[in-house]
């Protein structure tokens, strides 16, 4: 995995644990979801003021024909 100058993972890079959590989240979403490379990162500020990601939530995309929605 890519790392920043300090050896820490880059901000956009997920750890193995975060990837596993994303897969678990995907399993909880509707079967007709499609997933791309988009996600919402949930972050907090640690006591030492560094920003820490606690979860990466995949974005579910469900394709709909506008005719289906208009009904």
PDB file of N, CA and C in Angstrom:
ATOM      1  N   UNK A   1       0.815  -1.205   0.000  1.00  0.00           N
ATOM      2  CA  UNK A   1       0.000   0.000   0.000  1.00  0.00           C
ATOM      3  C   UNK A   1       0.851   1.259   0.000  1.00  0.00           C
ATOM      4  N   UNK A   2       0.317   2.309  -0.617  1.00  0.00           N
ATOM      5  CA  UNK A   2       1.002   3.599  -0.632  1.00  0.00           C
ATOM      6  C   UNK A   2       1.039   4.173   0.771  1.00  0.00           C
ATOM      7  N   UNK A   3       2.088   4.907   1.051  1.00  0.00           N
ATOM      8  CA  UNK A   3       2.189   5.570   2.346  1.00  0.00           C
ATOM      9  C   UNK A   3       2.668   6.983   2.135  1.00  0.00           C
ATOM     10  N   UNK A   4       2.309   7.827   3.068  1.00  0.00           N
ATOM     11  CA  UNK A   4       2.794   9.190   3.047  1.00  0.00           C
ATOM     12  C   UNK A   4       4.242   9.228   3.511  1.00  0.00           C
ATOM     13  N   UNK A   5       4.813  10.420   3.598  1.00  0.00           N
ATOM     14  CA  UNK A   5       6.213  10.563   3.996  1.00  0.00           C
ATOM     15  C   UNK A   5       6.469  10.043   5.401  1.00  0.00           C
ATOM     16  N   UNK A   6       5.450  10.101   6.258  1.00  0.00           N
ATOM     17  CA  UNK A   6       5.625   9.660   7.643  1.00  0.00           C
ATOM     18  C   UNK A   6       5.375   8.165   7.821  1.00  0.00           C
ATOM     19  N   UNK A   7       5.129   7.434   6.733  1.00  0.00           N
ATOM     20  CA  UNK A   7       4.893   5.999   6.812  1.00  0.00           C
ATOM     21  C   UNK A   7       3.443   5.626   7.069  1.00  0.00           C
ATOM     22  N   UNK A   8       2.597   6.613   7.347  1.00  0.00           N
ATOM     23  CA  UNK A   8       1.183   6.370   7.574  1.00  0.00           C
ATOM     24  C   UNK A   8       0.476   6.207   6.230  1.00  0.00           C
ATOM     25  N   UNK A   9      -0.620   5.432   6.164  1.00  0.00           N
ATOM     26  CA  UNK A   9      -1.360   5.306   4.901  1.00  0.00           C
ATOM     27  C   UNK A   9      -1.869   6.664   4.438  1.00  0.00           C
ATOM     28  N   UNK A  10      -1.934   6.860   3.113  1.00  0.00           N
ATOM     29  CA  UNK A  10      -2.510   8.089   2.567  1.00  0.00           C
ATOM     30  C   UNK A  10      -3.967   8.197   3.003  1.00  0.00           C
ATOM     31  N   UNK A  11      -4.515   9.404   2.972  1.00  0.00           N
ATOM     32  CA  UNK A  11      -5.878   9.649   3.444  1.00  0.00           C
ATOM     33  C   UNK A  11      -6.920   8.837   2.677  1.00  0.00           C
ATOM     34  N   UNK A  12      -6.712   8.623   1.374  1.00  0.00           N
ATOM     35  CA  UNK A  12      -7.706   7.917   0.575  1.00  0.00           C
ATOM     36  C   UNK A  12      -7.528   6.405   0.597  1.00  0.00           C
ATOM     37  N   UNK A  13      -6.437   5.927   1.114  1.00  0.00           N
ATOM     38  CA  UNK A  13      -6.147   4.503   1.112  1.00  0.00           C
ATOM     39  C   UNK A  13      -6.796   3.826   2.320  1.00  0.00           C
ATOM     40  N   UNK A  14      -7.417   2.676   2.073  1.00  0.00           N
ATOM     41  CA  UNK A  14      -8.070   1.933   3.143  1.00  0.00           C
ATOM     42  C   UNK A  14      -7.150   0.856   3.695  1.00  0.00           C
ATOM     43  N   UNK A  15      -7.288   0.610   4.976  1.00  0.00           N
ATOM     44  CA  UNK A  15      -6.574  -0.505   5.579  1.00  0.00           C
ATOM     45  C   UNK A  15      -7.321  -1.795   5.239  1.00  0.00           C
ATOM     46  N   UNK A  16      -6.712  -2.924   5.503  1.00  0.00           N
ATOM     47  CA  UNK A  16      -7.385  -4.204   5.260  1.00  0.00           C
ATOM     48  C   UNK A  16      -8.665  -4.303   6.075  1.00  0.00           C
ATOM     49  N   UNK A  17      -8.619  -3.855   7.316  1.00  0.00           N
ATOM     50  CA  UNK A  17      -9.811  -3.903   8.188  1.00  0.00           C
ATOM     51  C   UNK A  17     -10.932  -3.027   7.630  1.00  0.00           C
ATOM     52  N   UNK A  18     -10.585  -1.836   7.138  1.00  0.00           N
ATOM     53  CA  UNK A  18     -11.594  -0.946   6.565  1.00  0.00           C
ATOM     54  C   UNK A  18     -12.206  -1.555   5.297  1.00  0.00           C
ATOM     55  N   UNK A  19     -11.393  -2.222   4.494  1.00  0.00           N
ATOM     56  CA  UNK A  19     -11.927  -2.897   3.295  1.00  0.00           C
ATOM     57  C   UNK A  19     -12.909  -4.005   3.702  1.00  0.00           C
ATOM     58  N   UNK A  20     -12.571  -4.762   4.738  1.00  0.00           N
ATOM     59  CA  UNK A  20     -13.464  -5.814   5.229  1.00  0.00           C
ATOM     60  C   UNK A  20     -14.780  -5.219   5.726  1.00  0.00           C
ATOM     61  N   UNK A  21     -14.696  -4.092   6.435  1.00  0.00           N
ATOM     62  CA  UNK A  21     -15.911  -3.429   6.926  1.00  0.00           C
ATOM     63  C   UNK A  21     -16.779  -2.960   5.761  1.00  0.00           C
ATOM     64  N   UNK A  22     -16.145  -2.425   4.701  1.00  0.00           N
ATOM     65  CA  UNK A  22     -16.904  -1.977   3.536  1.00  0.00           C
ATOM     66  C   UNK A  22     -17.647  -3.148   2.901  1.00  0.00           C
ATOM     67  N   UNK A  23     -16.983  -4.293   2.816  1.00  0.00           N
ATOM     68  CA  UNK A  23     -17.636  -5.481   2.266  1.00  0.00           C
ATOM     69  C   UNK A  23     -18.814  -5.901   3.139  1.00  0.00           C
ATOM     70  N   UNK A  24     -18.651  -5.804   4.458  1.00  0.00           N
ATOM     71  CA  UNK A  24     -19.756  -6.123   5.373  1.00  0.00           C
ATOM     72  C   UNK A  24     -20.929  -5.166   5.155  1.00  0.00           C
ATOM     73  N   UNK A  25     -20.629  -3.856   5.012  1.00  0.00           N
ATOM     74  CA  UNK A  25     -21.679  -2.866   4.752  1.00  0.00           C
ATOM     75  C   UNK A  25     -22.407  -3.174   3.447  1.00  0.00           C
ATOM     76  N   UNK A  26     -21.659  -3.542   2.416  1.00  0.00           N
ATOM     77  CA  UNK A  26     -22.266  -3.863   1.127  1.00  0.00           C
ATOM     78  C   UNK A  26     -23.235  -5.028   1.253  1.00  0.00           C
ATOM     79  N   UNK A  27     -22.911  -5.994   2.110  1.00  0.00           N
ATOM     80  CA  UNK A  27     -23.790  -7.133   2.334  1.00  0.00           C
ATOM     81  C   UNK A  27     -25.094  -6.764   3.008  1.00  0.00           C
ATOM     82  N   UNK A  28     -25.125  -5.626   3.689  1.00  0.00           N
ATOM     83  CA  UNK A  28     -26.340  -5.169   4.380  1.00  0.00           C
ATOM     84  C   UNK A  28     -27.251  -4.338   3.480  1.00  0.00           C
ATOM     85  N   UNK A  29     -26.757  -3.950   2.333  1.00  0.00           N
ATOM     86  CA  UNK A  29     -27.522  -3.081   1.435  1.00  0.00           C
ATOM     87  C   UNK A  29     -28.360  -3.915   0.461  1.00  0.00           C
ATOM     88  N   UNK A  30     -29.350  -3.283  -0.183  1.00  0.00           N
ATOM     89  CA  UNK A  30     -30.213  -4.022  -1.110  1.00  0.00           C
ATOM     90  C   UNK A  30     -29.426  -4.752  -2.194  1.00  0.00           C
ATOM     91  N   UNK A  31     -29.979  -5.862  -2.651  1.00  0.00           N
ATOM     92  CA  UNK A  31     -29.304  -6.712  -3.640  1.00  0.00           C
ATOM     93  C   UNK A  31     -29.083  -5.998  -4.971  1.00  0.00           C
ATOM     94  N   UNK A  32     -29.921  -4.998  -5.305  1.00  0.00           N
ATOM     95  CA  UNK A  32     -29.784  -4.323  -6.595  1.00  0.00           C
ATOM     96  C   UNK A  32     -28.831  -3.121  -6.547  1.00  0.00           C
ATOM     97  N   UNK A  33     -28.074  -2.976  -5.466  1.00  0.00           N
ATOM     98  CA  UNK A  33     -27.081  -1.902  -5.358  1.00  0.00           C
ATOM     99  C   UNK A  33     -25.913  -2.177  -6.288  1.00  0.00           C
ATOM    100  N   UNK A  34     -25.399  -1.107  -6.849  1.00  0.00           N
ATOM    101  CA  UNK A  34     -24.152  -1.171  -7.607  1.00  0.00           C
ATOM    102  C   UNK A  34     -23.166  -0.266  -6.882  1.00  0.00           C
ATOM    103  N   UNK A  35     -21.932  -0.725  -6.811  1.00  0.00           N
ATOM    104  CA  UNK A  35     -20.913   0.014  -6.077  1.00  0.00           C
ATOM    105  C   UNK A  35     -19.772   0.375  -7.009  1.00  0.00           C
ATOM    106  N   UNK A  36     -19.296   1.580  -6.880  1.00  0.00           N
ATOM    107  CA  UNK A  36     -18.143   2.029  -7.642  1.00  0.00           C
ATOM    108  C   UNK A  36     -17.019   2.336  -6.674  1.00  0.00           C
ATOM    109  N   UNK A  37     -16.216   3.280  -7.015  1.00  0.00           N
ATOM    110  CA  UNK A  37     -15.107   3.678  -6.144  1.00  0.00           C
ATOM    111  C   UNK A  37     -15.481   4.863  -5.265  1.00  0.00           C
ATOM    112  N   UNK A  38     -16.752   4.976  -4.921  1.00  0.00           N
ATOM    113  CA  UNK A  38     -17.222   6.099  -4.110  1.00  0.00           C
ATOM    114  C   UNK A  38     -17.564   5.611  -2.719  1.00  0.00           C
ATOM    115  N   UNK A  39     -17.294   6.455  -1.756  1.00  0.00           N
ATOM    116  CA  UNK A  39     -17.606   6.106  -0.375  1.00  0.00           C
ATOM    117  C   UNK A  39     -17.729   7.384   0.434  1.00  0.00           C
ATOM    118  N   UNK A  40     -18.303   7.238   1.610  1.00  0.00           N
ATOM    119  CA  UNK A  40     -18.356   8.335   2.571  1.00  0.00           C
ATOM    120  C   UNK A  40     -17.477   7.926   3.741  1.00  0.00           C
ATOM    121  N   UNK A  41     -16.477   8.725   4.024  1.00  0.00           N
ATOM    122  CA  UNK A  41     -15.592   8.445   5.153  1.00  0.00           C
ATOM    123  C   UNK A  41     -16.149   9.106   6.402  1.00  0.00           C
ATOM    124  N   UNK A  42     -16.263   8.325   7.456  1.00  0.00           N
ATOM    125  CA  UNK A  42     -16.687   8.853   8.748  1.00  0.00           C
ATOM    126  C   UNK A  42     -15.416   9.045   9.564  1.00  0.00           C
ATOM    127  N   UNK A  43     -15.178  10.293   9.968  1.00  0.00           N
ATOM    128  CA  UNK A  43     -13.935  10.628  10.664  1.00  0.00           C
ATOM    129  C   UNK A  43     -14.229  11.323  11.982  1.00  0.00           C
ATOM    130  N   UNK A  44     -13.248  11.273  12.869  1.00  0.00           N
ATOM    131  CA  UNK A  44     -13.343  11.999  14.128  1.00  0.00           C
ATOM    132  C   UNK A  44     -12.005  12.641  14.415  1.00  0.00           C
ATOM    133  N   UNK A  45     -12.016  13.561  15.337  1.00  0.00           N
ATOM    134  CA  UNK A  45     -10.780  14.211  15.755  1.00  0.00           C
ATOM    135  C   UNK A  45     -10.351  13.542  17.054  1.00  0.00           C
ATOM    136  N   UNK A  46      -9.170  12.949  17.041  1.00  0.00           N
ATOM    137  CA  UNK A  46      -8.634  12.257  18.211  1.00  0.00           C
ATOM    138  C   UNK A  46      -8.210  13.271  19.268  1.00  0.00           C
ATOM    139  N   UNK A  47      -7.940  12.778  20.459  1.00  0.00           N
ATOM    140  CA  UNK A  47      -7.551  13.650  21.566  1.00  0.00           C
ATOM    141  C   UNK A  47      -6.284  14.442  21.253  1.00  0.00           C
ATOM    142  N   UNK A  48      -5.396  13.871  20.415  1.00  0.00           N
ATOM    143  CA  UNK A  48      -4.169  14.584  20.066  1.00  0.00           C
ATOM    144  C   UNK A  48      -4.348  15.456  18.811  1.00  0.00           C
ATOM    145  N   UNK A  49      -5.579  15.728  18.436  1.00  0.00           N
ATOM    146  CA  UNK A  49      -6.021  16.603  17.337  1.00  0.00           C
ATOM    147  C   UNK A  49      -5.772  16.052  15.938  1.00  0.00           C
ATOM    148  N   UNK A  50      -5.352  14.802  15.801  1.00  0.00           N
ATOM    149  CA  UNK A  50      -5.221  14.250  14.449  1.00  0.00           C
ATOM    150  C   UNK A  50      -6.577  13.734  13.983  1.00  0.00           C
ATOM    151  N   UNK A  51      -6.783  13.782  12.687  1.00  0.00           N
ATOM    152  CA  UNK A  51      -8.017  13.307  12.072  1.00  0.00           C
ATOM    153  C   UNK A  51      -7.909  11.809  11.860  1.00  0.00           C
ATOM    154  N   UNK A  52      -8.914  11.065  12.312  1.00  0.00           N
ATOM    155  CA  UNK A  52      -8.870   9.611  12.227  1.00  0.00           C
ATOM    156  C   UNK A  52     -10.152   9.084  11.592  1.00  0.00           C
ATOM    157  N   UNK A  53     -10.008   8.270  10.537  1.00  0.00           N
ATOM    158  CA  UNK A  53     -11.171   7.664   9.890  1.00  0.00           C
ATOM    159  C   UNK A  53     -11.578   6.451  10.715  1.00  0.00           C
ATOM    160  N   UNK A  54     -12.871   6.374  11.067  1.00  0.00           N
ATOM    161  CA  UNK A  54     -13.341   5.227  11.830  1.00  0.00           C
ATOM    162  C   UNK A  54     -14.143   4.257  10.965  1.00  0.00           C
ATOM    163  N   UNK A  55     -14.612   4.709   9.808  1.00  0.00           N
ATOM    164  CA  UNK A  55     -15.331   3.817   8.893  1.00  0.00           C
ATOM    165  C   UNK A  55     -15.373   4.439   7.506  1.00  0.00           C
ATOM    166  N   UNK A  56     -15.415   3.559   6.519  1.00  0.00           N
ATOM    167  CA  UNK A  56     -15.596   3.968   5.133  1.00  0.00           C
ATOM    168  C   UNK A  56     -16.863   3.273   4.655  1.00  0.00           C
ATOM    169  N   UNK A  57     -17.888   4.045   4.369  1.00  0.00           N
ATOM    170  CA  UNK A  57     -19.193   3.491   4.000  1.00  0.00           C
ATOM    171  C   UNK A  57     -19.360   3.576   2.481  1.00  0.00           C
ATOM    172  N   UNK A  58     -19.594   2.429   1.839  1.00  0.00           N
ATOM    173  CA  UNK A  58     -19.767   2.450   0.383  1.00  0.00           C
ATOM    174  C   UNK A  58     -21.078   3.145  -0.002  1.00  0.00           C
ATOM    175  N   UNK A  59     -21.082   3.758  -1.165  1.00  0.00           N
ATOM    176  CA  UNK A  59     -22.280   4.425  -1.663  1.00  0.00           C
ATOM    177  C   UNK A  59     -23.005   3.472  -2.597  1.00  0.00           C
ATOM    178  N   UNK A  60     -24.263   3.210  -2.285  1.00  0.00           N
ATOM    179  CA  UNK A  60     -25.112   2.317  -3.072  1.00  0.00           C
ATOM    180  C   UNK A  60     -25.794   3.120  -4.179  1.00  0.00           C
ATOM    181  N   UNK A  61     -25.656   2.638  -5.400  1.00  0.00           N
ATOM    182  CA  UNK A  61     -26.319   3.277  -6.539  1.00  0.00           C
ATOM    183  C   UNK A  61     -27.327   2.287  -7.102  1.00  0.00           C
ATOM    184  N   UNK A  62     -28.587   2.699  -7.144  1.00  0.00           N
ATOM    185  CA  UNK A  62     -29.641   1.867  -7.714  1.00  0.00           C
ATOM    186  C   UNK A  62     -30.148   2.576  -8.952  1.00  0.00           C
ATOM    187  N   UNK A  63     -29.967   1.936 -10.098  1.00  0.00           N
ATOM    188  CA  UNK A  63     -30.384   2.545 -11.358  1.00  0.00           C
ATOM    189  C   UNK A  63     -31.888   2.413 -11.517  1.00  0.00           C
ATOM    190  N   UNK A  64     -32.517   3.501 -11.922  1.00  0.00           N
ATOM    191  CA  UNK A  64     -33.963   3.532 -12.163  1.00  0.00           C
ATOM    192  C   UNK A  64     -34.240   4.225 -13.487  1.00  0.00           C
ATOM    193  N   UNK A  65     -35.181   3.718 -14.203  1.00  0.00           N
ATOM    194  CA  UNK A  65     -35.665   4.368 -15.407  1.00  0.00           C
ATOM    195  C   UNK A  65     -36.619   5.463 -14.946  1.00  0.00           C
ATOM    196  N   UNK A  66     -36.535   6.637 -15.511  1.00  0.00           N
ATOM    197  CA  UNK A  66     -37.395   7.736 -15.062  1.00  0.00           C
ATOM    198  C   UNK A  66     -38.873   7.397 -15.231  1.00  0.00           C
ATOM    199  N   UNK A  67     -39.192   6.522 -16.174  1.00  0.00           N
ATOM    200  CA  UNK A  67     -40.590   6.105 -16.364  1.00  0.00           C
ATOM    201  C   UNK A  67     -41.080   5.304 -15.151  1.00  0.00           C
ATOM    202  N   UNK A  68     -40.191   4.518 -14.539  1.00  0.00           N
ATOM    203  CA  UNK A  68     -40.554   3.757 -13.347  1.00  0.00           C
ATOM    204  C   UNK A  68     -40.827   4.687 -12.169  1.00  0.00           C
ATOM    205  N   UNK A  69     -40.060   5.750 -12.059  1.00  0.00           N
ATOM    206  CA  UNK A  69     -40.189   6.680 -10.952  1.00  0.00           C
ATOM    207  C   UNK A  69     -41.472   7.501 -11.099  1.00  0.00           C
ATOM    208  N   UNK A  70     -41.863   7.829 -12.321  1.00  0.00           N
ATOM    209  CA  UNK A  70     -43.028   8.690 -12.566  1.00  0.00           C
ATOM    210  C   UNK A  70     -44.349   7.990 -12.236  1.00  0.00           C
ATOM    211  N   UNK A  71     -44.348   6.712 -12.103  1.00  0.00           N
ATOM    212  CA  UNK A  71     -45.601   5.981 -11.846  1.00  0.00           C
ATOM    213  C   UNK A  71     -46.089   6.133 -10.457  1.00  0.00           C
TER     214      UNK A  71
END
